[in-house]
Every structure is written in structure tokens, then in C-alpha cells.
Amino acid sequence: MLSITALFLSRDGRGRAVIAGLCGVAFLLGTGISIYQVGVEQHWWVSGCTGQLAADISLSDMRAQLLKKPPKACDDDVWTVFGFSMATYNIFYSLALAMGTFAASRMLWRKS
């Protein structure tokens, strides 16, 4: 959305450079989220998405949970190619897009 804004709304090079820089920040945020997901998949750190602790749960609630299909845990890989998960590939793609966007932003800033 930011890139469309840069193309149509901003006429000066500095405005486009700033918007391109914001796109790079968005790609870096995606890289960080992917790194976190890979850490969850590899059990590098603990996340709260693998299940809930049953401290004060009633018998009827426990029975209802046992009878329903359990949700897919977030530490399971959706798919892997050559031993790498989708989140691992997303780290490299997002990082490459961030670097390319920052380079374009720098070139736009210098042109204006």
C-alpha cells in the first residue's frame, strides 16, 4: 500500500524516498516476525501458542476440550522444502526486499 502511495501521491523525489524507506521498515518488521516464528518452530524459546494450562477448569469444560479436534500447534511446520520451513525462506526474502527498498530509497533521496 505504501508503494502505491509513493507512485501516485508523491511527486517529489524526497517524498518517494521517505515512503520507500517506510516500505523497507515494513519488510524489516516482516523479517523479525519470521525470525520469531522460526524460533518457535525450532523450540529456541517458549511461546504461549502451543496450548493452555488447565489450572481452574471444570470437568465439563475439560470433557468438551477432549472431545473437540485440537487446533494445529503453531510450532508445527506447514511445509518444508529442502529441510527449511516457509518462515525460514521468508526471513531471506523479506531481508532481501528490505535491503533493495532501502537502496532504492537512498537513490531516490540522492536524485532529489
PDB file of N, CA and C in Angstrom:
ATOM      1  N   MET A   1       0.820  -1.186   0.000  1.00  0.00           N
ATOM      2  CA  MET A   1       0.000   0.000   0.000  1.00  0.00           C
ATOM      3  C   MET A   1       0.868   1.256   0.000  1.00  0.00           C
ATOM      4  N   LEU A   2       1.962   1.196   0.757  1.00  0.00           N
ATOM      5  CA  LEU A   2       2.853   2.349   0.786  1.00  0.00           C
ATOM      6  C   LEU A   2       3.497   2.598  -0.573  1.00  0.00           C
ATOM      7  N   SER A   3       3.817   1.536  -1.297  1.00  0.00           N
ATOM      8  CA  SER A   3       4.448   1.718  -2.604  1.00  0.00           C
ATOM      9  C   SER A   3       3.481   2.342  -3.602  1.00  0.00           C
ATOM     10  N   ILE A   4       2.215   2.002  -3.530  1.00  0.00           N
ATOM     11  CA  ILE A   4       1.216   2.626  -4.404  1.00  0.00           C
ATOM     12  C   ILE A   4       1.085   4.095  -4.049  1.00  0.00           C
ATOM     13  N   THR A   5       1.125   4.397  -2.778  1.00  0.00           N
ATOM     14  CA  THR A   5       1.097   5.795  -2.338  1.00  0.00           C
ATOM     15  C   THR A   5       2.299   6.548  -2.886  1.00  0.00           C
ATOM     16  N   ALA A   6       3.454   5.923  -2.871  1.00  0.00           N
ATOM     17  CA  ALA A   6       4.665   6.566  -3.385  1.00  0.00           C
ATOM     18  C   ALA A   6       4.551   6.840  -4.877  1.00  0.00           C
ATOM     19  N   LEU A   7       3.936   5.940  -5.609  1.00  0.00           N
ATOM     20  CA  LEU A   7       3.835   6.122  -7.057  1.00  0.00           C
ATOM     21  C   LEU A   7       2.849   7.207  -7.453  1.00  0.00           C
ATOM     22  N   PHE A   8       1.722   7.294  -6.758  1.00  0.00           N
ATOM     23  CA  PHE A   8       0.657   8.171  -7.219  1.00  0.00           C
ATOM     24  C   PHE A   8       0.522   9.484  -6.463  1.00  0.00           C
ATOM     25  N   LEU A   9       0.837   9.510  -5.194  1.00  0.00           N
ATOM     26  CA  LEU A   9       0.580  10.717  -4.421  1.00  0.00           C
ATOM     27  C   LEU A   9       1.781  11.634  -4.303  1.00  0.00           C
ATOM     28  N   SER A  10       2.935  11.100  -4.236  1.00  0.00           N
ATOM     29  CA  SER A  10       4.120  11.918  -4.013  1.00  0.00           C
ATOM     30  C   SER A  10       4.771  12.260  -5.351  1.00  0.00           C
ATOM     31  N   ARG A  11       4.920  13.533  -5.628  1.00  0.00           N
ATOM     32  CA  ARG A  11       5.529  13.984  -6.886  1.00  0.00           C
ATOM     33  C   ARG A  11       7.019  14.279  -6.737  1.00  0.00           C
ATOM     34  N   ASP A  12       7.455  14.617  -5.544  1.00  0.00           N
ATOM     35  CA  ASP A  12       8.868  14.935  -5.360  1.00  0.00           C
ATOM     36  C   ASP A  12       9.643  13.682  -4.968  1.00  0.00           C
ATOM     37  N   GLY A  13      10.926  13.696  -5.262  1.00  0.00           N
ATOM     38  CA  GLY A  13      11.772  12.543  -5.003  1.00  0.00           C
ATOM     39  C   GLY A  13      11.969  12.255  -3.530  1.00  0.00           C
ATOM     40  N   ARG A  14      12.021  13.294  -2.711  1.00  0.00           N
ATOM     41  CA  ARG A  14      12.233  13.081  -1.274  1.00  0.00           C
ATOM     42  C   ARG A  14      11.031  12.410  -0.629  1.00  0.00           C
ATOM     43  N   GLY A  15       9.850  12.778  -1.054  1.00  0.00           N
ATOM     44  CA  GLY A  15       8.650  12.131  -0.520  1.00  0.00           C
ATOM     45  C   GLY A  15       8.612  10.658  -0.892  1.00  0.00           C
ATOM     46  N   ARG A  16       8.969  10.365  -2.123  1.00  0.00           N
ATOM     47  CA  ARG A  16       9.023   8.962  -2.554  1.00  0.00           C
ATOM     48  C   ARG A  16      10.117   8.210  -1.800  1.00  0.00           C
ATOM     49  N   ALA A  17      11.218   8.872  -1.529  1.00  0.00           N
ATOM     50  CA  ALA A  17      12.303   8.225  -0.794  1.00  0.00           C
ATOM     51  C   ALA A  17      11.869   7.891   0.628  1.00  0.00           C
ATOM     52  N   VAL A  18      11.143   8.805   1.251  1.00  0.00           N
ATOM     53  CA  VAL A  18      10.668   8.556   2.613  1.00  0.00           C
ATOM     54  C   VAL A  18       9.677   7.400   2.625  1.00  0.00           C
ATOM     55  N   ILE A  19       8.758   7.379   1.664  1.00  0.00           N
ATOM     56  CA  ILE A  19       7.773   6.295   1.606  1.00  0.00           C
ATOM     57  C   ILE A  19       8.456   4.971   1.289  1.00  0.00           C
ATOM     58  N   ALA A  20       9.456   4.990   0.426  1.00  0.00           N
ATOM     59  CA  ALA A  20      10.206   3.758   0.150  1.00  0.00           C
ATOM     60  C   ALA A  20      10.946   3.292   1.396  1.00  0.00           C
ATOM     61  N   GLY A  21      11.466   4.223   2.172  1.00  0.00           N
ATOM     62  CA  GLY A  21      12.117   3.861   3.434  1.00  0.00           C
ATOM     63  C   GLY A  21      11.131   3.225   4.405  1.00  0.00           C
ATOM     64  N   LEU A  22       9.901   3.730   4.435  1.00  0.00           N
ATOM     65  CA  LEU A  22       8.873   3.120   5.277  1.00  0.00           C
ATOM     66  C   LEU A  22       8.536   1.709   4.801  1.00  0.00           C
ATOM     67  N   CYS A  23       8.555   1.493   3.494  1.00  0.00           N
ATOM     68  CA  CYS A  23       8.361   0.131   2.970  1.00  0.00           C
ATOM     69  C   CYS A  23       9.489  -0.785   3.441  1.00  0.00           C
ATOM     70  N   GLY A  24      10.704  -0.272   3.455  1.00  0.00           N
ATOM     71  CA  GLY A  24      11.831  -1.059   3.948  1.00  0.00           C
ATOM     72  C   GLY A  24      11.679  -1.420   5.411  1.00  0.00           C
ATOM     73  N   VAL A  25      11.166  -0.481   6.199  1.00  0.00           N
ATOM     74  CA  VAL A  25      10.913  -0.764   7.617  1.00  0.00           C
ATOM     75  C   VAL A  25       9.854  -1.856   7.758  1.00  0.00           C
ATOM     76  N   ALA A  26       8.828  -1.812   6.907  1.00  0.00           N
ATOM     77  CA  ALA A  26       7.793  -2.855   6.946  1.00  0.00           C
ATOM     78  C   ALA A  26       8.391  -4.219   6.611  1.00  0.00           C
ATOM     79  N   PHE A  27       9.292  -4.265   5.627  1.00  0.00           N
ATOM     80  CA  PHE A  27       9.949  -5.535   5.299  1.00  0.00           C
ATOM     81  C   PHE A  27      10.834  -6.011   6.448  1.00  0.00           C
ATOM     82  N   LEU A  28      11.490  -5.093   7.140  1.00  0.00           N
ATOM     83  CA  LEU A  28      12.295  -5.481   8.293  1.00  0.00           C
ATOM     84  C   LEU A  28      11.430  -6.031   9.425  1.00  0.00           C
ATOM     85  N   LEU A  29      10.257  -5.460   9.610  1.00  0.00           N
ATOM     86  CA  LEU A  29       9.332  -5.995  10.609  1.00  0.00           C
ATOM     87  C   LEU A  29       8.903  -7.417  10.239  1.00  0.00           C
ATOM     88  N   GLY A  30       8.652  -7.640   8.951  1.00  0.00           N
ATOM     89  CA  GLY A  30       8.326  -8.989   8.491  1.00  0.00           C
ATOM     90  C   GLY A  30       9.466  -9.959   8.725  1.00  0.00           C
ATOM     91  N   THR A  31      10.691  -9.480   8.567  1.00  0.00           N
ATOM     92  CA  THR A  31      11.862 -10.315   8.849  1.00  0.00           C
ATOM     93  C   THR A  31      11.899 -10.695  10.323  1.00  0.00           C
ATOM     94  N   GLY A  32      11.644  -9.738  11.192  1.00  0.00           N
ATOM     95  CA  GLY A  32      11.637 -10.011  12.627  1.00  0.00           C
ATOM     96  C   GLY A  32      10.557 -11.003  13.028  1.00  0.00           C
ATOM     97  N   ILE A  33       9.373 -10.867  12.447  1.00  0.00           N
ATOM     98  CA  ILE A  33       8.294 -11.805  12.733  1.00  0.00           C
ATOM     99  C   ILE A  33       8.664 -13.204  12.257  1.00  0.00           C
ATOM    100  N   SER A  34       9.305 -13.289  11.101  1.00  0.00           N
ATOM    101  CA  SER A  34       9.729 -14.598  10.585  1.00  0.00           C
ATOM    102  C   SER A  34      10.802 -15.226  11.464  1.00  0.00           C
ATOM    103  N   ILE A  35      11.715 -14.419  11.959  1.00  0.00           N
ATOM    104  CA  ILE A  35      12.743 -14.938  12.867  1.00  0.00           C
ATOM    105  C   ILE A  35      12.087 -15.482  14.136  1.00  0.00           C
ATOM    106  N   TYR A  36      11.104 -14.767  14.648  1.00  0.00           N
ATOM    107  CA  TYR A  36      10.386 -15.252  15.828  1.00  0.00           C
ATOM    108  C   TYR A  36       9.686 -16.578  15.528  1.00  0.00           C
ATOM    109  N   GLN A  37       9.036 -16.694  14.368  1.00  0.00           N
ATOM    110  CA  GLN A  37       8.327 -17.919  14.015  1.00  0.00           C
ATOM    111  C   GLN A  37       9.288 -19.095  13.864  1.00  0.00           C
ATOM    112  N   VAL A  38      10.436 -18.861  13.256  1.00  0.00           N
ATOM    113  CA  VAL A  38      11.428 -19.936  13.139  1.00  0.00           C
ATOM    114  C   VAL A  38      11.889 -20.362  14.534  1.00  0.00           C
ATOM    115  N   GLY A  39      12.063 -19.421  15.434  1.00  0.00           N
ATOM    116  CA  GLY A  39      12.441 -19.754  16.802  1.00  0.00           C
ATOM    117  C   GLY A  39      11.379 -20.588  17.508  1.00  0.00           C
ATOM    118  N   VAL A  40      10.116 -20.291  17.249  1.00  0.00           N
ATOM    119  CA  VAL A  40       9.035 -21.085  17.826  1.00  0.00           C
ATOM    120  C   VAL A  40       9.049 -22.487  17.233  1.00  0.00           C
ATOM    121  N   GLU A  41       9.234 -22.579  15.914  1.00  0.00           N
ATOM    122  CA  GLU A  41       9.255 -23.895  15.260  1.00  0.00           C
ATOM    123  C   GLU A  41      10.427 -24.746  15.733  1.00  0.00           C
ATOM    124  N   GLN A  42      11.565 -24.121  15.996  1.00  0.00           N
ATOM    125  CA  GLN A  42      12.760 -24.854  16.404  1.00  0.00           C
ATOM    126  C   GLN A  42      12.869 -25.004  17.921  1.00  0.00           C
ATOM    127  N   HIS A  43      11.887 -24.447  18.658  1.00  0.00           N
ATOM    128  CA  HIS A  43      11.851 -24.507  20.123  1.00  0.00           C
ATOM    129  C   HIS A  43      13.058 -23.795  20.742  1.00  0.00           C
ATOM    130  N   TRP A  44      13.458 -22.668  20.131  1.00  0.00           N
ATOM    131  CA  TRP A  44      14.527 -21.857  20.695  1.00  0.00           C
ATOM    132  C   TRP A  44      14.020 -21.069  21.892  1.00  0.00           C
ATOM    133  N   TRP A  45      12.748 -20.721  21.896  1.00  0.00           N
ATOM    134  CA  TRP A  45      12.125 -20.029  23.005  1.00  0.00           C
ATOM    135  C   TRP A  45      10.703 -20.533  23.161  1.00  0.00           C
ATOM    136  N   VAL A  46      10.134 -20.244  24.308  1.00  0.00           N
ATOM    137  CA  VAL A  46       8.796 -20.736  24.639  1.00  0.00           C
ATOM    138  C   VAL A  46       7.771 -19.711  24.180  1.00  0.00           C
ATOM    139  N   SER A  47       6.716 -20.199  23.568  1.00  0.00           N
ATOM    140  CA  SER A  47       5.616 -19.313  23.189  1.00  0.00           C
ATOM    141  C   SER A  47       4.339 -19.845  23.812  1.00  0.00           C
ATOM    142  N   GLY A  48       3.349 -19.003  23.940  1.00  0.00           N
ATOM    143  CA  GLY A  48       2.097 -19.393  24.571  1.00  0.00           C
ATOM    144  C   GLY A  48       1.097 -20.008  23.621  1.00  0.00           C
ATOM    145  N   CYS A  49       1.490 -20.296  22.404  1.00  0.00           N
ATOM    146  CA  CYS A  49       0.512 -20.766  21.427  1.00  0.00           C
ATOM    147  C   CYS A  49       0.419 -22.279  21.349  1.00  0.00           C
ATOM    148  N   THR A  50       1.196 -23.004  22.079  1.00  0.00           N
ATOM    149  CA  THR A  50       1.186 -24.457  21.965  1.00  0.00           C
ATOM    150  C   THR A  50       0.128 -25.114  22.825  1.00  0.00           C
ATOM    151  N   GLY A  51      -0.568 -24.381  23.620  1.00  0.00           N
ATOM    152  CA  GLY A  51      -1.625 -24.952  24.448  1.00  0.00           C
ATOM    153  C   GLY A  51      -1.851 -24.109  25.682  1.00  0.00           C
ATOM    154  N   GLN A  52      -2.888 -24.444  26.439  1.00  0.00           N
ATOM    155  CA  GLN A  52      -3.165 -23.671  27.642  1.00  0.00           C
ATOM    156  C   GLN A  52      -2.998 -24.564  28.862  1.00  0.00           C
ATOM    157  N   LEU A  53      -2.665 -23.945  29.944  1.00  0.00           N
ATOM    158  CA  LEU A  53      -2.524 -24.673  31.197  1.00  0.00           C
ATOM    159  C   LEU A  53      -3.896 -24.793  31.851  1.00  0.00           C
ATOM    160  N   ALA A  54      -4.204 -25.953  32.332  1.00  0.00           N
ATOM    161  CA  ALA A  54      -5.503 -26.189  32.957  1.00  0.00           C
ATOM    162  C   ALA A  54      -5.357 -26.055  34.468  1.00  0.00           C
ATOM    163  N   ALA A  55      -5.536 -24.855  34.973  1.00  0.00           N
ATOM    164  CA  ALA A  55      -5.413 -24.624  36.405  1.00  0.00           C
ATOM    165  C   ALA A  55      -6.785 -24.747  37.073  1.00  0.00           C
ATOM    166  N   ASP A  56      -7.685 -23.908  36.704  1.00  0.00           N
ATOM    167  CA  ASP A  56      -9.041 -23.931  37.269  1.00  0.00           C
ATOM    168  C   ASP A  56     -10.033 -24.187  36.150  1.00  0.00           C
ATOM    169  N   ILE A  57     -10.132 -25.420  35.726  1.00  0.00           N
ATOM    170  CA  ILE A  57     -11.033 -25.769  34.639  1.00  0.00           C
ATOM    171  C   ILE A  57     -12.034 -26.787  35.174  1.00  0.00           C
ATOM    172  N   SER A  58     -13.281 -26.609  34.780  1.00  0.00           N
ATOM    173  CA  SER A  58     -14.306 -27.526  35.275  1.00  0.00           C
ATOM    174  C   SER A  58     -14.254 -28.842  34.510  1.00  0.00           C
ATOM    175  N   LEU A  59     -14.895 -29.837  35.055  1.00  0.00           N
ATOM    176  CA  LEU A  59     -14.912 -31.153  34.436  1.00  0.00           C
ATOM    177  C   LEU A  59     -15.629 -31.132  33.093  1.00  0.00           C
ATOM    178  N   SER A  60     -16.710 -30.368  32.997  1.00  0.00           N
ATOM    179  CA  SER A  60     -17.445 -30.299  31.728  1.00  0.00           C
ATOM    180  C   SER A  60     -16.622 -29.569  30.662  1.00  0.00           C
ATOM    181  N   ASP A  61     -15.885 -28.524  31.061  1.00  0.00           N
ATOM    182  CA  ASP A  61     -15.018 -27.826  30.099  1.00  0.00           C
ATOM    183  C   ASP A  61     -13.884 -28.729  29.631  1.00  0.00           C
ATOM    184  N   MET A  62     -13.332 -29.506  30.552  1.00  0.00           N
ATOM    185  CA  MET A  62     -12.261 -30.419  30.181  1.00  0.00           C
ATOM    186  C   MET A  62     -12.774 -31.499  29.221  1.00  0.00           C
ATOM    187  N   ARG A  63     -13.965 -31.995  29.467  1.00  0.00           N
ATOM    188  CA  ARG A  63     -14.551 -33.006  28.582  1.00  0.00           C
ATOM    189  C   ARG A  63     -14.808 -32.421  27.199  1.00  0.00           C
ATOM    190  N   ALA A  64     -15.296 -31.190  27.137  1.00  0.00           N
ATOM    191  CA  ALA A  64     -15.548 -30.547  25.850  1.00  0.00           C
ATOM    192  C   ALA A  64     -14.250 -30.362  25.075  1.00  0.00           C
ATOM    193  N   GLN A  65     -13.184 -30.020  25.764  1.00  0.00           N
ATOM    194  CA  GLN A  65     -11.889 -29.856  25.095  1.00  0.00           C
ATOM    195  C   GLN A  65     -11.348 -31.183  24.589  1.00  0.00           C
ATOM    196  N   LEU A  66     -11.587 -32.253  25.336  1.00  0.00           N
ATOM    197  CA  LEU A  66     -11.097 -33.561  24.919  1.00  0.00           C
ATOM    198  C   LEU A  66     -11.860 -34.106  23.717  1.00  0.00           C
ATOM    199  N   LEU A  67     -13.134 -33.745  23.591  1.00  0.00           N
ATOM    200  CA  LEU A  67     -13.961 -34.264  22.501  1.00  0.00           C
ATOM    201  C   LEU A  67     -13.796 -33.502  21.198  1.00  0.00           C
ATOM    202  N   LYS A  68     -13.364 -32.256  21.248  1.00  0.00           N
ATOM    203  CA  LYS A  68     -13.202 -31.493  20.011  1.00  0.00           C
ATOM    204  C   LYS A  68     -11.805 -31.716  19.429  1.00  0.00           C
ATOM    205  N   LYS A  69     -11.691 -31.487  18.147  1.00  0.00           N
ATOM    206  CA  LYS A  69     -10.409 -31.658  17.460  1.00  0.00           C
ATOM    207  C   LYS A  69      -9.443 -30.569  17.922  1.00  0.00           C
ATOM    208  N   PRO A  70      -8.259 -30.948  18.333  1.00  0.00           N
ATOM    209  CA  PRO A  70      -7.324 -29.932  18.815  1.00  0.00           C
ATOM    210  C   PRO A  70      -6.817 -29.060  17.658  1.00  0.00           C
ATOM    211  N   PRO A  71      -6.618 -27.783  17.914  1.00  0.00           N
ATOM    212  CA  PRO A  71      -6.087 -26.913  16.856  1.00  0.00           C
ATOM    213  C   PRO A  71      -4.633 -27.258  16.560  1.00  0.00           C
ATOM    214  N   LYS A  72      -4.223 -26.916  15.352  1.00  0.00           N
ATOM    215  CA  LYS A  72      -2.841 -27.166  14.951  1.00  0.00           C
ATOM    216  C   LYS A  72      -1.921 -26.248  15.747  1.00  0.00           C
ATOM    217  N   ALA A  73      -0.918 -26.817  16.325  1.00  0.00           N
ATOM    218  CA  ALA A  73       0.024 -26.021  17.118  1.00  0.00           C
ATOM    219  C   ALA A  73       0.856 -25.135  16.204  1.00  0.00           C
ATOM    220  N   CYS A  74       1.220 -23.965  16.695  1.00  0.00           N
ATOM    221  CA  CYS A  74       1.969 -23.023  15.865  1.00  0.00           C
ATOM    222  C   CYS A  74       3.437 -23.404  15.737  1.00  0.00           C
ATOM    223  N   ASP A  75       3.892 -24.391  16.482  1.00  0.00           N
ATOM    224  CA  ASP A  75       5.281 -24.804  16.334  1.00  0.00           C
ATOM    225  C   ASP A  75       5.442 -25.947  15.333  1.00  0.00           C
ATOM    226  N   ASP A  76       4.360 -26.349  14.671  1.00  0.00           N
ATOM    227  CA  ASP A  76       4.438 -27.334  13.594  1.00  0.00           C
ATOM    228  C   ASP A  76       4.671 -26.621  12.270  1.00  0.00           C
ATOM    229  N   ASP A  77       5.541 -27.174  11.447  1.00  0.00           N
ATOM    230  CA  ASP A  77       5.787 -26.603  10.129  1.00  0.00           C
ATOM    231  C   ASP A  77       4.587 -26.852   9.228  1.00  0.00           C
ATOM    232  N   VAL A  78       4.224 -25.850   8.437  1.00  0.00           N
ATOM    233  CA  VAL A  78       3.154 -26.032   7.457  1.00  0.00           C
ATOM    234  C   VAL A  78       3.695 -26.867   6.305  1.00  0.00           C
ATOM    235  N   TRP A  79       4.831 -26.470   5.764  1.00  0.00           N
ATOM    236  CA  TRP A  79       5.527 -27.259   4.752  1.00  0.00           C
ATOM    237  C   TRP A  79       6.995 -26.909   4.786  1.00  0.00           C
ATOM    238  N   THR A  80       7.799 -27.833   4.314  1.00  0.00           N
ATOM    239  CA  THR A  80       9.237 -27.611   4.241  1.00  0.00           C
ATOM    240  C   THR A  80       9.730 -28.006   2.859  1.00  0.00           C
ATOM    241  N   VAL A  81      10.756 -27.319   2.416  1.00  0.00           N
ATOM    242  CA  VAL A  81      11.441 -27.644   1.163  1.00  0.00           C
ATOM    243  C   VAL A  81      12.927 -27.670   1.484  1.00  0.00           C
ATOM    244  N   PHE A  82      13.571 -28.779   1.196  1.00  0.00           N
ATOM    245  CA  PHE A  82      14.991 -28.979   1.480  1.00  0.00           C
ATOM    246  C   PHE A  82      15.302 -28.793   2.963  1.00  0.00           C
ATOM    247  N   GLY A  83      14.335 -29.118   3.819  1.00  0.00           N
ATOM    248  CA  GLY A  83      14.543 -29.032   5.252  1.00  0.00           C
ATOM    249  C   GLY A  83      14.309 -27.667   5.869  1.00  0.00           C
ATOM    250  N   PHE A  84      13.915 -26.692   5.074  1.00  0.00           N
ATOM    251  CA  PHE A  84      13.660 -25.348   5.578  1.00  0.00           C
ATOM    252  C   PHE A  84      12.173 -25.044   5.504  1.00  0.00           C
ATOM    253  N   SER A  85      11.642 -24.414   6.552  1.00  0.00           N
ATOM    254  CA  SER A  85      10.223 -24.090   6.586  1.00  0.00           C
ATOM    255  C   SER A  85       9.938 -22.813   5.807  1.00  0.00           C
ATOM    256  N   MET A  86       8.656 -22.552   5.614  1.00  0.00           N
ATOM    257  CA  MET A  86       8.236 -21.349   4.904  1.00  0.00           C
ATOM    258  C   MET A  86       8.711 -20.098   5.639  1.00  0.00           C
ATOM    259  N   ALA A  87       8.691 -20.127   6.967  1.00  0.00           N
ATOM    260  CA  ALA A  87       9.149 -18.970   7.745  1.00  0.00           C
ATOM    261  C   ALA A  87      10.638 -18.708   7.534  1.00  0.00           C
ATOM    262  N   THR A  88      11.421 -19.772   7.362  1.00  0.00           N
ATOM    263  CA  THR A  88      12.852 -19.603   7.114  1.00  0.00           C
ATOM    264  C   THR A  88      13.089 -18.923   5.774  1.00  0.00           C
ATOM    265  N   TYR A  89      12.375 -19.359   4.748  1.00  0.00           N
ATOM    266  CA  TYR A  89      12.505 -18.706   3.444  1.00  0.00           C
ATOM    267  C   TYR A  89      12.048 -17.254   3.518  1.00  0.00           C
ATOM    268  N   ASN A  90      11.017 -16.993   4.311  1.00  0.00           N
ATOM    269  CA  ASN A  90      10.503 -15.640   4.430  1.00  0.00           C
ATOM    270  C   ASN A  90      11.523 -14.701   5.063  1.00  0.00           C
ATOM    271  N   ILE A  91      12.382 -15.212   5.943  1.00  0.00           N
ATOM    272  CA  ILE A  91      13.444 -14.375   6.517  1.00  0.00           C
ATOM    273  C   ILE A  91      14.316 -13.812   5.405  1.00  0.00           C
ATOM    274  N   PHE A  92      14.772 -14.687   4.520  1.00  0.00           N
ATOM    275  CA  PHE A  92      15.689 -14.259   3.467  1.00  0.00           C
ATOM    276  C   PHE A  92      15.006 -13.373   2.433  1.00  0.00           C
ATOM    277  N   TYR A  93      13.776 -13.716   2.055  1.00  0.00           N
ATOM    278  CA  TYR A  93      13.064 -12.885   1.082  1.00  0.00           C
ATOM    279  C   TYR A  93      12.761 -11.503   1.644  1.00  0.00           C
ATOM    280  N   SER A  94      12.285 -11.446   2.867  1.00  0.00           N
ATOM    281  CA  SER A  94      11.967 -10.147   3.468  1.00  0.00           C
ATOM    282  C   SER A  94      13.213  -9.302   3.667  1.00  0.00           C
ATOM    283  N   LEU A  95      14.302  -9.929   4.062  1.00  0.00           N
ATOM    284  CA  LEU A  95      15.550  -9.193   4.248  1.00  0.00           C
ATOM    285  C   LEU A  95      16.078  -8.670   2.913  1.00  0.00           C
ATOM    286  N   ALA A  96      16.000  -9.481   1.869  1.00  0.00           N
ATOM    287  CA  ALA A  96      16.436  -9.026   0.536  1.00  0.00           C
ATOM    288  C   ALA A  96      15.564  -7.879   0.044  1.00  0.00           C
ATOM    289  N   LEU A  97      14.250  -7.980   0.253  1.00  0.00           N
ATOM    290  CA  LEU A  97      13.359  -6.888  -0.151  1.00  0.00           C
ATOM    291  C   LEU A  97      13.633  -5.620   0.652  1.00  0.00           C
ATOM    292  N   ALA A  98      13.935  -5.758   1.930  1.00  0.00           N
ATOM    293  CA  ALA A  98      14.255  -4.584   2.748  1.00  0.00           C
ATOM    294  C   ALA A  98      15.526  -3.906   2.256  1.00  0.00           C
ATOM    295  N   MET A  99      16.554  -4.702   1.988  1.00  0.00           N
ATOM    296  CA  MET A  99      17.806  -4.107   1.501  1.00  0.00           C
ATOM    297  C   MET A  99      17.609  -3.433   0.150  1.00  0.00           C
ATOM    298  N   GLY A 100      16.863  -4.068  -0.744  1.00  0.00           N
ATOM    299  CA  GLY A 100      16.594  -3.463  -2.050  1.00  0.00           C
ATOM    300  C   GLY A 100      15.783  -2.183  -1.927  1.00  0.00           C
ATOM    301  N   THR A 101      14.813  -2.181  -1.032  1.00  0.00           N
ATOM    302  CA  THR A 101      13.983  -0.994  -0.840  1.00  0.00           C
ATOM    303  C   THR A 101      14.780   0.141  -0.223  1.00  0.00           C
ATOM    304  N   PHE A 102      15.648  -0.174   0.738  1.00  0.00           N
ATOM    305  CA  PHE A 102      16.491   0.877   1.315  1.00  0.00           C
ATOM    306  C   PHE A 102      17.471   1.431   0.288  1.00  0.00           C
ATOM    307  N   ALA A 103      17.990   0.584  -0.589  1.00  0.00           N
ATOM    308  CA  ALA A 103      18.883   1.058  -1.647  1.00  0.00           C
ATOM    309  C   ALA A 103      18.133   1.976  -2.607  1.00  0.00           C
ATOM    310  N   ALA A 104      16.910   1.596  -2.960  1.00  0.00           N
ATOM    311  CA  ALA A 104      16.100   2.446  -3.845  1.00  0.00           C
ATOM    312  C   ALA A 104      15.760   3.760  -3.163  1.00  0.00           C
ATOM    313  N   SER A 105      15.465   3.702  -1.873  1.00  0.00           N
ATOM    314  CA  SER A 105      15.162   4.919  -1.137  1.00  0.00           C
ATOM    315  C   SER A 105      16.369   5.856  -1.109  1.00  0.00           C
ATOM    316  N   ARG A 106      17.534   5.284  -0.929  1.00  0.00           N
ATOM    317  CA  ARG A 106      18.756   6.099  -0.915  1.00  0.00           C
ATOM    318  C   ARG A 106      19.007   6.741  -2.285  1.00  0.00           C
ATOM    319  N   MET A 107      18.775   5.970  -3.343  1.00  0.00           N
ATOM    320  CA  MET A 107      18.966   6.527  -4.687  1.00  0.00           C
ATOM    321  C   MET A 107      17.952   7.640  -4.971  1.00  0.00           C
ATOM    322  N   LEU A 108      16.699   7.454  -4.552  1.00  0.00           N
ATOM    323  CA  LEU A 108      15.689   8.496  -4.741  1.00  0.00           C
ATOM    324  C   LEU A 108      16.046   9.744  -3.940  1.00  0.00           C
ATOM    325  N   TRP A 109      16.574   9.557  -2.754  1.00  0.00           N
ATOM    326  CA  TRP A 109      16.929  10.705  -1.902  1.00  0.00           C
ATOM    327  C   TRP A 109      18.071  11.493  -2.539  1.00  0.00           C
ATOM    328  N   ARG A 110      19.041  10.806  -3.114  1.00  0.00           N
ATOM    329  CA  ARG A 110      20.184  11.484  -3.729  1.00  0.00           C
ATOM    330  C   ARG A 110      19.795  12.203  -5.033  1.00  0.00           C
ATOM    331  N   LYS A 111      18.819  11.642  -5.754  1.00  0.00           N
ATOM    332  CA  LYS A 111      18.379  12.255  -7.009  1.00  0.00           C
ATOM    333  C   LYS A 111      17.662  13.577  -6.787  1.00  0.00           C
ATOM    334  N   SER A 112      16.984  13.703  -5.653  1.00  0.00           N
ATOM    335  CA  SER A 112      16.174  14.901  -5.458  1.00  0.00           C
ATOM    336  C   SER A 112      16.981  16.037  -4.842  1.00  0.00           C
TER     337      SER A 112
END
